[in-house]
Amino acid sequence: MAFLQPIEIHETGVCAQYWRLTHLQMDITASIVEAKIHGYLDEAARRAGKSPLSVMSFRLPSEGLVKNSALALSDIYNAVRASAQGGDGSGGMLPPLFRAAKDI
């Protein structure tokens, strides 16, 4: 599973379109799942072993993500999809970056 969502990388004019979950770590004591998602030019670049253009980190509450002592990747992707990406400078939250991403 991955996301298809064009996102410009640091105002370079280059867009990463293919976003894949690459790292998971769970802090049981803090009830947090840390996830990293890497962005590539496209799926072909990722399959060819090219380096990612960008990496994003997410700290997700583990409640609802851990079922029978296991994590499901689809649940992690859905949590990332719903995760807001910081503040907007006026005290509000920015909308989730991947809310309109297509699952591939």
C-alpha atoms as a PDB file:
ATOM      1  CA  MET A   1       0.000   0.000   0.000  1.00  0.00           C
ATOM      2  CA  ALA A   2       1.077   3.574  -0.634  1.00  0.00           C
ATOM      3  CA  PHE A   3      -0.404   7.015  -1.266  1.00  0.00           C
ATOM      4  CA  LEU A   4      -0.511   8.800  -4.593  1.00  0.00           C
ATOM      5  CA  GLN A   5      -0.449  12.515  -3.723  1.00  0.00           C
ATOM      6  CA  PRO A   6       1.704  15.144  -5.476  1.00  0.00           C
ATOM      7  CA  ILE A   7       3.436  17.321  -2.884  1.00  0.00           C
ATOM      8  CA  GLU A   8       6.041  19.942  -3.784  1.00  0.00           C
ATOM      9  CA  ILE A   9       9.283  19.434  -1.868  1.00  0.00           C
ATOM     10  CA  HIS A  10      10.525  22.536  -0.009  1.00  0.00           C
ATOM     11  CA  GLU A  11       9.556  25.019  -2.751  1.00  0.00           C
ATOM     12  CA  THR A  12      11.890  23.371  -5.282  1.00  0.00           C
ATOM     13  CA  GLY A  13       9.341  22.857  -8.029  1.00  0.00           C
ATOM     14  CA  VAL A  14       9.894  19.098  -7.687  1.00  0.00           C
ATOM     15  CA  CYS A  15       6.933  16.995  -6.575  1.00  0.00           C
ATOM     16  CA  ALA A  16       7.041  13.678  -4.806  1.00  0.00           C
ATOM     17  CA  GLN A  17       3.967  11.762  -5.920  1.00  0.00           C
ATOM     18  CA  TYR A  18       4.463   8.303  -4.397  1.00  0.00           C
ATOM     19  CA  TRP A  19       4.427   8.115  -0.572  1.00  0.00           C
ATOM     20  CA  ARG A  20       5.246   4.874   1.205  1.00  0.00           C
ATOM     21  CA  LEU A  21       5.281   3.963   4.882  1.00  0.00           C
ATOM     22  CA  THR A  22       8.842   2.881   5.652  1.00  0.00           C
ATOM     23  CA  HIS A  23       9.355   2.882   9.440  1.00  0.00           C
ATOM     24  CA  LEU A  24       7.210   2.127  12.461  1.00  0.00           C
ATOM     25  CA  GLN A  25       8.104   2.307  16.116  1.00  0.00           C
ATOM     26  CA  MET A  26       5.777   1.896  19.053  1.00  0.00           C
ATOM     27  CA  ASP A  27       6.316   3.428  22.462  1.00  0.00           C
ATOM     28  CA  ILE A  28       4.115   1.210  24.625  1.00  0.00           C
ATOM     29  CA  THR A  29       4.585   3.312  27.759  1.00  0.00           C
ATOM     30  CA  ALA A  30       3.572   6.548  26.025  1.00  0.00           C
ATOM     31  CA  SER A  31       0.881   4.833  23.866  1.00  0.00           C
ATOM     32  CA  ILE A  32       2.356   6.402  20.722  1.00  0.00           C
ATOM     33  CA  VAL A  33       3.095   4.937  17.302  1.00  0.00           C
ATOM     34  CA  GLU A  34       5.801   6.787  15.397  1.00  0.00           C
ATOM     35  CA  ALA A  35       5.571   6.392  11.625  1.00  0.00           C
ATOM     36  CA  LYS A  36       7.796   7.643   8.822  1.00  0.00           C
ATOM     37  CA  ILE A  37       6.570   7.988   5.287  1.00  0.00           C
ATOM     38  CA  HIS A  38       9.001   8.567   2.408  1.00  0.00           C
ATOM     39  CA  GLY A  39       8.105  10.441  -0.776  1.00  0.00           C
ATOM     40  CA  TYR A  40       9.460   9.448  -4.174  1.00  0.00           C
ATOM     41  CA  LEU A  41       9.103  10.964  -7.627  1.00  0.00           C
ATOM     42  CA  ASP A  42       6.898   7.996  -8.544  1.00  0.00           C
ATOM     43  CA  GLU A  43       6.507   4.274  -7.905  1.00  0.00           C
ATOM     44  CA  ALA A  44       9.027   3.402 -10.627  1.00  0.00           C
ATOM     45  CA  ALA A  45      11.710   5.481  -8.879  1.00  0.00           C
ATOM     46  CA  ARG A  46      11.033   3.708  -5.581  1.00  0.00           C
ATOM     47  CA  ARG A  47      11.143   0.268  -7.198  1.00  0.00           C
ATOM     48  CA  ALA A  48      14.401   1.222  -8.944  1.00  0.00           C
ATOM     49  CA  GLY A  49      15.992   1.874  -5.534  1.00  0.00           C
ATOM     50  CA  LYS A  50      16.227   5.647  -5.932  1.00  0.00           C
ATOM     51  CA  SER A  51      16.580   7.766  -2.808  1.00  0.00           C
ATOM     52  CA  PRO A  52      13.437   9.381  -1.429  1.00  0.00           C
ATOM     53  CA  LEU A  53      12.899  13.069  -2.099  1.00  0.00           C
ATOM     54  CA  SER A  54      11.365  13.682   1.320  1.00  0.00           C
ATOM     55  CA  VAL A  55      10.528  12.055   4.630  1.00  0.00           C
ATOM     56  CA  MET A  56       7.679  12.942   6.978  1.00  0.00           C
ATOM     57  CA  SER A  57       7.281  11.775  10.563  1.00  0.00           C
ATOM     58  CA  PHE A  58       4.004  11.259  12.382  1.00  0.00           C
ATOM     59  CA  ARG A  59       3.287  10.632  16.082  1.00  0.00           C
ATOM     60  CA  LEU A  60      -0.011   8.816  16.341  1.00  0.00           C
ATOM     61  CA  PRO A  61      -1.919   7.733  19.443  1.00  0.00           C
ATOM     62  CA  SER A  62      -1.848   3.941  19.586  1.00  0.00           C
ATOM     63  CA  GLU A  63      -5.453   3.710  20.775  1.00  0.00           C
ATOM     64  CA  GLY A  64      -7.418   2.013  18.009  1.00  0.00           C
ATOM     65  CA  LEU A  65      -4.259   1.144  16.053  1.00  0.00           C
ATOM     66  CA  VAL A  66      -3.175  -1.835  18.157  1.00  0.00           C
ATOM     67  CA  LYS A  67      -5.463  -4.845  17.867  1.00  0.00           C
ATOM     68  CA  ASN A  68      -4.556  -8.183  19.445  1.00  0.00           C
ATOM     69  CA  SER A  69      -1.010  -6.878  20.038  1.00  0.00           C
ATOM     70  CA  ALA A  70      -0.546  -6.139  16.328  1.00  0.00           C
ATOM     71  CA  LEU A  71      -0.540  -3.128  14.014  1.00  0.00           C
ATOM     72  CA  ALA A  72      -2.275  -3.226  10.628  1.00  0.00           C
ATOM     73  CA  LEU A  73      -0.613  -1.179   7.884  1.00  0.00           C
ATOM     74  CA  SER A  74      -3.969  -0.064   6.521  1.00  0.00           C
ATOM     75  CA  ASP A  75      -4.846   1.378   9.958  1.00  0.00           C
ATOM     76  CA  ILE A  76      -1.519   3.253  10.071  1.00  0.00           C
ATOM     77  CA  TYR A  77      -2.090   4.685   6.569  1.00  0.00           C
ATOM     78  CA  ASN A  78      -5.609   5.773   7.580  1.00  0.00           C
ATOM     79  CA  ALA A  79      -4.244   7.466  10.726  1.00  0.00           C
ATOM     80  CA  VAL A  80      -1.593   9.289   8.654  1.00  0.00           C
ATOM     81  CA  ARG A  81      -4.304  10.345   6.186  1.00  0.00           C
ATOM     82  CA  ALA A  82      -6.278  11.919   9.049  1.00  0.00           C
ATOM     83  CA  SER A  83      -3.284  13.490  10.816  1.00  0.00           C
ATOM     84  CA  ALA A  84      -3.090  17.306  10.747  1.00  0.00           C
ATOM     85  CA  GLN A  85       0.243  18.792   9.653  1.00  0.00           C
ATOM     86  CA  GLY A  86       0.937  21.429  12.276  1.00  0.00           C
ATOM     87  CA  GLY A  87      -0.395  24.912  12.883  1.00  0.00           C
ATOM     88  CA  ASP A  88      -1.352  27.601  10.408  1.00  0.00           C
ATOM     89  CA  GLY A  89       0.367  30.449  12.276  1.00  0.00           C
ATOM     90  CA  SER A  90      -2.870  31.880  13.639  1.00  0.00           C
ATOM     91  CA  GLY A  91      -3.544  29.205  16.226  1.00  0.00           C
ATOM     92  CA  GLY A  92      -5.522  26.911  13.927  1.00  0.00           C
ATOM     93  CA  MET A  93      -4.497  23.541  12.603  1.00  0.00           C
ATOM     94  CA  LEU A  94      -3.614  22.879   8.981  1.00  0.00           C
ATOM     95  CA  PRO A  95      -5.766  20.251   7.255  1.00  0.00           C
ATOM     96  CA  PRO A  96      -4.358  16.732   6.870  1.00  0.00           C
ATOM     97  CA  LEU A  97      -1.809  16.708   4.062  1.00  0.00           C
ATOM     98  CA  PHE A  98      -2.846  13.286   2.752  1.00  0.00           C
ATOM     99  CA  ARG A  99      -6.635  13.636   3.170  1.00  0.00           C
ATOM    100  CA  ALA A 100      -7.235  13.458  -0.607  1.00  0.00           C
ATOM    101  CA  ALA A 101      -4.469  10.949  -1.379  1.00  0.00           C
ATOM    102  CA  LYS A 102      -5.346   8.011  -3.584  1.00  0.00           C
ATOM    103  CA  ASP A 103      -4.531   4.559  -2.195  1.00  0.00           C
ATOM    104  CA  ILE A 104      -2.324   2.501  -4.486  1.00  0.00           C
END
